[in-house]
Amino acid sequence: MKEVILAKSAGFCFGVQRAMNTVYSEADKKNVYTYGPIIHNTEVVKDLESKGIYAIDDIYQIPDPQNSTVIIRSHGVSKEVYESIKNSGASIVDATCPFVLKIHKIVKDASAAGDQIVIIGNENHPEVEGIMGWSDSPVYVVDSVEKALNLELDSSRKVCVVSQTTFNYKKFQELVEIILKKEYNVCISNTICNATEERQSEARRIARRADAMIVIGDSSSSNTRKLYEICKTECQKTFYIQTLSGLELEKLESSDCIGITAGASTPNNIIEEVYTNVRRKLCTDVR
């Protein structure tokens, strides 16, 4: 008999749920904007637009900032962006994930002390861009073995290492080991959030057991992409979908055990729809 296993950690993490609660609590007001998409999920962004809440990427896109509210997304923003919103006269509602705010403080304090900052993460990710903007000293972003090996720092100054909250934990450990071998005076802060570690570990366990794996999340979601990479390593038959419409059920028919997980910015209704349809159409024994 077939079975389907849904990851307990699938879906919104604490920071995303907090941001979602925040933005929907402002939905009855006029002139509400989010600085960047509140989360990396197209369906959520569309729903907010239907309620009159639009994403901007520059404060100058707001016609009347002094009578507007700007919600800072869960990824956070740089100090410069924060100040630009504040100086515009707009009301600020900060929905930055508390774990990201913690990194901002670490980087701000360390750079003020003259430390060099190393961020392990994707330099094009908005969270990393925001973290970089809280440093007054040189910042180096590392996301690969090659960059870690080629990293050259001032040996006379301390080095503060932090991580993007959704970075692959095993890869973080690998890159840290390379940096430590360079014998700089390094302080390591593992700022990958616990929910990310748990989600990745559970996805790996399920993928090892499954014949097929479904990873649900927006194509722009960094943490979902990492989940897909982890699952693909353990289970060759891994599918990355955004919604049920992207799932080809016939490709799962030969699989006796099907695993499902989802990124931190995937709404529960999308996860439930995929899970229910897979169970109804393919499975007779469900866990």
Protein backbone atom coordinates (compact mmCIF):
# COMPACT_ATOMS: atom_id res chain seq x y z
CA MET A 1 0.00 0.00 0.00
CA LYS A 2 1.12 3.55 -0.71
CA GLU A 3 1.77 6.07 2.01
CA VAL A 4 2.32 9.82 2.10
CA ILE A 5 4.39 11.58 4.76
CA LEU A 6 3.85 15.29 5.37
CA ALA A 7 6.69 17.06 7.19
CA LYS A 8 5.57 18.49 10.52
CA SER A 9 7.82 21.50 9.96
CA ALA A 10 6.35 22.36 6.54
CA GLY A 11 5.05 25.89 6.08
CA PHE A 12 5.30 29.24 7.81
CA CYS A 13 8.07 29.72 10.35
CA PHE A 14 7.67 32.02 13.35
CA GLY A 15 9.11 35.07 11.57
CA VAL A 16 6.96 34.67 8.48
CA GLN A 17 3.79 34.05 10.49
CA ARG A 18 4.55 37.17 12.54
CA ALA A 19 5.02 39.21 9.34
CA MET A 20 1.79 37.85 7.88
CA ASN A 21 -0.17 38.67 11.04
CA THR A 22 1.32 42.15 10.99
CA VAL A 23 0.49 42.97 7.38
CA TYR A 24 -3.08 41.64 7.53
CA SER A 25 -3.70 43.62 10.71
CA GLU A 26 -2.99 46.76 8.63
CA ALA A 27 -5.20 45.70 5.69
CA ASP A 28 -8.15 47.92 6.67
CA LYS A 29 -6.06 51.10 6.43
CA LYS A 30 -5.45 53.28 3.38
CA ASN A 31 -2.08 53.82 1.70
CA VAL A 32 -0.35 50.75 3.11
CA TYR A 33 2.79 49.43 1.41
CA THR A 34 5.37 46.75 2.06
CA TYR A 35 9.04 47.45 1.42
CA GLY A 36 9.63 44.57 -0.96
CA PRO A 37 7.31 41.54 -1.02
CA ILE A 38 6.31 40.79 2.60
CA ILE A 39 7.44 37.19 1.97
CA HIS A 40 8.68 35.33 -1.10
CA ASN A 41 5.34 33.95 -2.23
CA THR A 42 3.48 35.12 -5.35
CA GLU A 43 0.08 33.94 -4.10
CA VAL A 44 0.40 35.98 -0.91
CA VAL A 45 1.55 39.07 -2.81
CA LYS A 46 -1.46 38.79 -5.14
CA ASP A 47 -3.83 38.47 -2.20
CA LEU A 48 -2.37 41.57 -0.55
CA GLU A 49 -2.69 43.52 -3.79
CA SER A 50 -6.37 42.58 -3.90
CA LYS A 51 -6.65 44.28 -0.51
CA GLY A 52 -4.85 47.39 -1.71
CA ILE A 53 -1.44 46.63 -0.20
CA TYR A 54 1.37 46.93 -2.73
CA ALA A 55 5.08 46.18 -2.57
CA ILE A 56 7.56 48.96 -3.31
CA ASP A 57 11.33 48.92 -3.63
CA ASP A 58 11.94 52.64 -3.15
CA ILE A 59 10.29 55.16 -0.84
CA TYR A 60 9.94 57.57 -3.79
CA GLN A 61 7.33 55.24 -5.31
CA ILE A 62 4.84 56.39 -2.66
CA PRO A 63 2.82 59.44 -3.81
CA ASP A 64 2.01 60.71 -0.29
CA PRO A 65 4.43 59.17 2.23
CA GLN A 66 3.36 61.39 5.15
CA ASN A 67 -0.10 59.84 4.98
CA SER A 68 1.11 56.31 4.32
CA THR A 69 2.24 53.26 6.25
CA VAL A 70 5.29 51.24 5.20
CA ILE A 71 5.67 47.70 6.52
CA ILE A 72 9.23 46.41 6.60
CA ARG A 73 9.20 42.81 5.43
CA SER A 74 10.40 39.78 7.37
CA HIS A 75 13.83 39.86 5.65
CA GLY A 76 14.61 43.27 7.12
CA VAL A 77 16.30 46.24 5.44
CA SER A 78 19.58 48.11 5.67
CA LYS A 79 20.10 51.03 8.01
CA GLU A 80 20.11 53.38 5.03
CA VAL A 81 16.73 52.14 3.78
CA TYR A 82 15.25 52.30 7.27
CA GLU A 83 16.41 55.90 7.64
CA SER A 84 15.05 56.83 4.21
CA ILE A 85 11.59 55.53 5.16
CA LYS A 86 11.74 57.31 8.50
CA ASN A 87 12.85 60.60 6.94
CA SER A 88 10.04 60.46 4.38
CA GLY A 89 7.49 60.94 7.14
CA ALA A 90 5.78 57.61 6.55
CA SER A 91 4.63 55.53 9.51
CA ILE A 92 6.85 52.48 9.94
CA VAL A 93 5.57 49.06 10.97
CA ASP A 94 8.59 46.80 11.42
CA ALA A 95 7.82 43.15 10.63
CA THR A 96 11.48 42.14 10.43
CA CYS A 97 11.99 38.64 11.83
CA PRO A 98 13.41 38.94 15.38
CA PHE A 99 16.17 36.48 14.45
CA VAL A 100 17.22 38.77 11.60
CA LEU A 101 17.15 41.79 13.92
CA LYS A 102 19.53 39.89 16.20
CA ILE A 103 22.00 39.58 13.32
CA HIS A 104 21.68 43.30 12.59
CA LYS A 105 22.73 44.01 16.19
CA ILE A 106 25.64 41.56 16.10
CA VAL A 107 26.96 43.10 12.90
CA LYS A 108 26.37 46.68 14.05
CA ASP A 109 28.20 46.12 17.36
CA ALA A 110 31.05 44.11 15.83
CA SER A 111 31.67 46.63 13.06
CA ALA A 112 31.59 49.49 15.58
CA ALA A 113 34.41 47.68 17.39
CA GLY A 114 36.37 47.58 14.13
CA ASP A 115 35.79 43.91 13.27
CA GLN A 116 35.66 42.65 9.70
CA ILE A 117 32.28 41.11 8.86
CA VAL A 118 31.82 37.82 7.02
CA ILE A 119 28.28 36.82 6.10
CA ILE A 120 27.72 33.24 5.00
CA GLY A 121 24.80 33.48 2.61
CA ASN A 122 23.61 34.61 -0.82
CA GLU A 123 24.72 38.18 -1.47
CA ASN A 124 21.70 38.80 -3.72
CA HIS A 125 19.19 37.75 -1.07
CA PRO A 126 17.32 40.68 0.54
CA GLU A 127 18.10 39.44 4.05
CA VAL A 128 21.83 39.47 3.32
CA GLU A 129 21.60 42.86 1.60
CA GLY A 130 19.90 44.19 4.72
CA ILE A 131 22.52 42.69 7.07
CA MET A 132 25.34 44.21 5.02
CA GLY A 133 23.76 47.61 5.48
CA TRP A 134 24.25 47.55 9.27
CA SER A 135 28.03 47.33 9.07
CA ASP A 136 30.41 50.28 9.12
CA SER A 137 33.42 48.08 8.39
CA PRO A 138 34.30 45.88 5.36
CA VAL A 139 31.81 43.09 4.62
CA TYR A 140 32.58 39.84 2.81
CA VAL A 141 29.82 37.51 1.63
CA VAL A 142 30.66 33.82 1.24
CA ASP A 143 28.34 31.18 -0.22
CA SER A 144 30.69 28.66 -1.81
CA VAL A 145 33.83 26.65 -1.09
CA GLU A 146 35.68 28.62 -3.76
CA LYS A 147 34.84 31.97 -2.13
CA ALA A 148 35.80 30.62 1.30
CA LEU A 149 39.14 29.38 0.01
CA ASN A 150 39.86 32.70 -1.74
CA LEU A 151 38.82 34.83 1.24
CA GLU A 152 41.63 37.18 2.25
CA LEU A 153 41.24 39.30 5.38
CA ASP A 154 43.35 41.65 7.48
CA SER A 155 45.06 39.36 9.97
CA SER A 156 45.56 42.23 12.42
CA ARG A 157 41.81 42.72 12.90
CA LYS A 158 39.14 40.49 14.40
CA VAL A 159 36.63 38.73 12.19
CA CYS A 160 32.92 38.38 12.96
CA VAL A 161 31.14 35.58 11.07
CA VAL A 162 27.33 35.39 10.86
CA SER A 163 24.93 33.52 8.61
CA GLN A 164 21.80 34.14 6.61
CA THR A 165 19.02 32.64 8.76
CA THR A 166 17.88 30.23 6.03
CA PHE A 167 21.29 29.02 4.84
CA ASN A 168 22.01 25.30 4.47
CA TYR A 169 23.32 24.23 7.89
CA LYS A 170 25.72 21.56 6.62
CA LYS A 171 27.15 23.96 4.05
CA PHE A 172 27.54 26.61 6.77
CA GLN A 173 29.62 24.18 8.83
CA GLU A 174 31.75 23.32 5.79
CA LEU A 175 32.48 26.97 4.97
CA VAL A 176 33.22 27.85 8.61
CA GLU A 177 35.79 25.05 8.80
CA ILE A 178 37.59 26.49 5.78
CA ILE A 179 37.62 29.98 7.27
CA LEU A 180 38.88 28.73 10.66
CA LYS A 181 41.85 27.03 8.99
CA LYS A 182 43.08 30.44 7.87
CA GLU A 183 43.89 31.16 11.55
CA TYR A 184 42.32 34.60 11.75
CA ASN A 185 40.99 35.83 15.10
CA VAL A 186 37.44 34.70 14.38
CA CYS A 187 34.18 34.88 16.33
CA ILE A 188 31.53 32.57 14.88
CA SER A 189 27.82 33.26 15.40
CA ASN A 190 25.63 30.49 14.00
CA THR A 191 22.62 32.64 13.18
CA ILE A 192 20.77 30.03 11.15
CA CYS A 193 17.41 29.89 12.90
CA ASN A 194 16.37 26.69 14.68
CA ALA A 195 13.28 26.35 12.48
CA THR A 196 15.51 26.24 9.40
CA GLU A 197 17.76 23.56 10.89
CA GLU A 198 14.75 21.48 11.95
CA ARG A 199 13.05 21.86 8.56
CA GLN A 200 16.17 20.84 6.67
CA SER A 201 16.89 17.89 8.96
CA GLU A 202 13.33 16.60 8.75
CA ALA A 203 13.28 17.00 4.96
CA ARG A 204 16.51 15.01 4.71
CA ARG A 205 15.12 12.20 6.89
CA ILE A 206 11.89 11.93 4.91
CA ALA A 207 13.68 12.10 1.55
CA ARG A 208 15.96 9.21 2.55
CA ARG A 209 12.90 7.09 3.18
CA ALA A 210 10.71 8.24 0.28
CA ASP A 211 10.54 6.99 -3.29
CA ALA A 212 9.38 10.43 -4.40
CA MET A 213 9.56 13.83 -2.72
CA ILE A 214 7.48 16.97 -3.26
CA VAL A 215 8.88 20.34 -2.18
CA ILE A 216 6.35 23.19 -2.20
CA GLY A 217 7.34 26.84 -2.38
CA ASP A 218 7.66 29.91 -4.54
CA SER A 219 10.35 29.88 -7.21
CA SER A 220 11.87 33.02 -5.60
CA SER A 221 12.12 31.43 -2.14
CA SER A 222 15.74 30.84 -1.14
CA ASN A 223 14.93 28.51 1.76
CA THR A 224 12.64 26.38 -0.45
CA ARG A 225 15.38 26.09 -3.06
CA LYS A 226 17.74 24.82 -0.35
CA LEU A 227 15.12 22.27 0.76
CA TYR A 228 14.85 21.07 -2.81
CA GLU A 229 18.62 20.67 -3.09
CA ILE A 230 18.73 18.70 0.17
CA CYS A 231 15.88 16.42 -0.86
CA LYS A 232 17.26 15.92 -4.37
CA THR A 233 20.53 14.70 -2.88
CA GLU A 234 18.68 12.03 -0.88
CA CYS A 235 15.86 11.24 -3.31
CA GLN A 236 16.44 11.53 -7.05
CA LYS A 237 12.72 11.70 -7.75
CA THR A 238 12.18 15.12 -6.14
CA PHE A 239 9.72 17.67 -7.53
CA TYR A 240 9.70 21.43 -6.86
CA ILE A 241 6.25 23.00 -7.26
CA GLN A 242 4.64 26.31 -6.31
CA THR A 243 1.03 25.12 -6.18
CA LEU A 244 -1.01 21.98 -6.95
CA SER A 245 -1.27 23.02 -10.60
CA GLY A 246 2.45 22.35 -10.99
CA LEU A 247 2.24 18.75 -9.78
CA GLU A 248 2.12 15.94 -12.36
CA LEU A 249 0.45 13.19 -10.34
CA GLU A 250 1.12 10.51 -12.94
CA LYS A 251 4.84 10.79 -12.18
CA LEU A 252 4.12 9.62 -8.62
CA GLU A 253 2.05 6.55 -9.48
CA SER A 254 4.98 4.12 -9.26
CA SER A 255 6.11 5.46 -5.87
CA ASP A 256 5.11 3.54 -2.73
CA CYS A 257 6.25 6.24 -0.29
CA ILE A 258 5.75 9.91 -1.09
CA GLY A 259 7.20 12.67 1.09
CA ILE A 260 6.00 16.29 1.18
CA THR A 261 7.66 19.34 2.67
CA ALA A 262 7.38 23.09 2.09
CA GLY A 263 9.36 26.28 2.50
CA ALA A 264 8.96 28.79 5.31
CA SER A 265 6.93 31.15 3.12
CA THR A 266 4.42 28.60 1.81
CA PRO A 267 0.83 29.14 3.04
CA ASN A 268 -0.82 26.23 4.81
CA ASN A 269 -3.78 26.14 2.40
CA ILE A 270 -1.43 25.38 -0.52
CA ILE A 271 0.30 22.61 1.46
CA GLU A 272 -3.04 21.09 2.48
CA GLU A 273 -4.33 21.18 -1.09
CA VAL A 274 -1.30 19.28 -2.38
CA TYR A 275 -1.33 16.80 0.50
CA THR A 276 -5.07 16.11 0.21
CA ASN A 277 -4.95 15.57 -3.55
CA VAL A 278 -1.94 13.26 -3.41
CA ARG A 279 -3.62 11.25 -0.64
CA ARG A 280 -7.00 11.09 -2.36
CA LYS A 281 -5.77 10.13 -5.79
CA LEU A 282 -2.76 7.96 -5.06
CA CYS A 283 -2.70 6.69 -1.51
CA THR A 284 -4.72 4.28 0.53
CA ASP A 285 -2.46 4.16 3.60
CA VAL A 286 -1.69 7.63 4.94
CA ARG A 287 0.53 8.80 7.80
